[in-house]
Amino acid sequence: MDDRDEEENVLTGDQSVDSRSAEANTVNKTVHHFPSMPDVSVVIASYQGASRIEHTLKSLAKQTLAADRFEVIVVVNGADDDGTVDLLREMRAVSFPAELRIITTNTPNAANARNLALAAARGTYVTFVDDDDQVSKKYLAGLLKYAQPGSVAMAPIADTVQADQYVADFDNYLNQSSLNLAGSVARFAQVPVAAAANAGKMVLTRHAREHLYPTHLSSGEDVVFWATLIASKNLNISVLPAGTGAVYRRLVRETSVSRSLSPTFVEDRLEIIKILRQLAQDFPEQQRPLDKLVIGQTSNIARYLLRYPEQRMWVLDRIREKGIEAFPYQRLNSESTDELVVAYAFPPYADTSAMVVARRLCLARQPVDVLTHAMDKIRSKDELSMGLVEESVGTVMTVGGPAVFANWKRIAIFADVGYKLVEERIGERGRAYRTVYSRTMWPAAHIMAALFKVRNPSVRWRAEFSDPMRIDSEGNVRTTEIPDGDPVFEEIENAIRSRGFPGTASRNMWEWVENIAYALADEIIYTNVNQKQFMLEHATQKVLADRAASIASVERHPTLPQRFYELEHSSYVLPSDRINIGYFGVFYKVRGVGDLLSALEALSRQDRSNVMLHVFTNTVDETKAEVRRRGLSDCVVVQAYIPYLEFLELSRHFDWLVVTDARVGEVHGINPYLPSKYSDYVGSGAKIWSIVEPGSVLSTIEVDAMTELGDVAEAKKVLAGLQDSTI
């Protein structure tokens, strides 16, 4: 038997009980005549509510609205009745002044119960009361006075912690926006949270029947019901004026369904968010209030993660599996960030170091706050790159002003202003960070992180070096003088000395950046073993080098999961009749595609016609000119950099991808560089051709083809081999 059949049978039985009720009341000299169409239907869904529903009904029995103008429908749901039905019948027979109708269903589901009541409701308007809540004497009269066909009447909500002790506490999240609008007709966007809660509202019954409660949710069904109803009907919200005496008294119980934290709770929140996102697509004019409701549901999931942080990966996986678009990860993460990331360059700016940080965060999937610097004047923006870090980032704090590589004054400002921003964020959070991670290139990141470590000694500092700082790729010592008396320098230097280390002999910022990390960090991260060896051998203080060696680790640039290679679509067209070779990278004096161009020159025109080299770089005009000078325009195409996720997608379609070492062995003795593009290429599925310097880390990695820098003849053989499939 379905719920509808069960309802009709029970209702028929109830009608006979109603007659007995009238007979019983006759003994007390009172006869009730109930109209077939009352003004209001009060709906109560009750699951094992015998211990609490009596208080609810007593508050309804005291209404100033005439008893013949409203009915109360209680739907007792669940197969195991705890005596609720008998209690209801007893109250109806003896003391309840209005018509009290009872529906039973074996399905333990509040949404289903309310839908049954809506189907049975006779009132012109309907309001919902939970079986553990109460209402003031003027509640129904007040709501009915302001109820209109084109609006939802809304009363204030007072919280109480005991059913039999009413203490007015109006300072709750439901009243935050509505109390200031008392006596006015508001739009959904003005009171979205209050409008989407069951408590304290009255609406036309026929409107409510058009959008029933979703029965597949265990909790939060009221948010979907009211949001759908208000958005689809474009209803206004009539906020009752002060002084009406209409108050909904909400009992705050820790065991309330909507307040319990469990995996089912999270699943419900995610389903609600997905429904709200679809509503926003269907009714774009309601985007703002629906977005606010999404934020509220996300905050509930954040509460769950605060209690159960070990469930983070499961939650992130479920968000992805449900395919929720534009999920507000920032709100999800902002409550649980325990790590501060200091990254001078960070998405959406198109910067190599920014992308490496983004990839590390992407793989870790842990919540972090980020301190960064604006780079509008020196870097273009790649907005899509934010997709790499969306699962991880809580709050991004940005220091404004011109971005600099080696200007000490601006670097000191970044440290000073950045620290103040972080302090404010800690105040908002109400707790300190446990760890801080910083990365160079861009030395300002380590300086700010060191200052933070000095002022917060208990924090664990992880400092990553992308490259050697003091010595550049051409073997020159970088120099940037730190002025005497600089407060940032002095504070950090004093901390180093207090640890028993000698101060920095020079005031060269590049030497100092290495030294402060070696002295103060809890972990030093290098990207390859050669870099580690080179930097430690060239450290200016052996005692610091020894400490760095004891806390050092090597972490290569990360390769992203395959799904990131499929997120975007590139419109770049590769010729189907050529072997397509791709090169993506910044050109320096020590790195370029000269060997490739020379090898192509050495090929016959016939052989060149079978290949196409596609170069994506930062020096488009200069490279195009070089290609024309060599007469290679028929087999070399030069393009500007493309957005990172587009690059990942496009890389999958090349036959070959080329990565080249920097040529530094003659000046460095050992090559400390490992091109970060290699890790991107690995995930593409394309074949990889490495052009290497002997002894480099790249030269030790097995790839599909490898030639040495300067060996044009061998590079020519590779190109020829591509055509006859010998490689």
Foldseek 3Di string as FASTA:
>chain_A
DDQLVQQVVQQVVVVVLLVLLQVLVVVVVDGDDADQEAAEEEEEEDELLPPALVLAQVLVQLAPPDQNRYEYEYEYEAPDHPCNVVVQSVCSSPPRRHHYHYGYYNHPFRLVSVLSCLVVDRHQKYAYDYSRWYKHRHAVVQQSVPEDQQAKEFEQEAEDADSVDDDGDRPDPQCPQLQVQAQHWAFCLRRVVNQQDRPGIMHGSVLLNVQGFDRVARDPSSNLSRVCSCQVSVGIYHYHHPPSRIYIYHHDDCPDSQNDADPSLLVRLLVLLQSLVVSCVVRVVCVNSSVVVNLVSLLSVLVNCVVVVVCLVVSVVVNVVVPRPPRQLLSSQLQPAQEEEEEQDAAQWPDPSNLLVLQVQLVVLAAYEYEYEDAVVPTDGQNVSVVSNRSHYHHYHYDYDHQDQFAVVVLLVSLVVSVVVQVVSCVVNVHHHQEYEYEDPRLSSLLSVLLVCLVVVRHAYEYEYQAQQQADLQGDGDFHADDPPDPSLVSLQVSLVVVVDDGDPGRGSSLVSLQSCLRRHQAYEYADPLRLVLNLVPRPDVVSSVSHVVRYDHHHRAADALVLLVPDEDPDDDDPQAQEEEEEDEDDPQDDCVLVLLLLLPDDPVLLQRHAYEYEYDPQVVVVVVCVVSVNPNRYHYHYDDRDSNVSNVLLPHQEYEDEAGPRCVNRVARRHDDSVVSSNVSSPHFYEYAYDPRHPVVVDDTPHYHYPPPSVVSNVVSVCVVVVVD
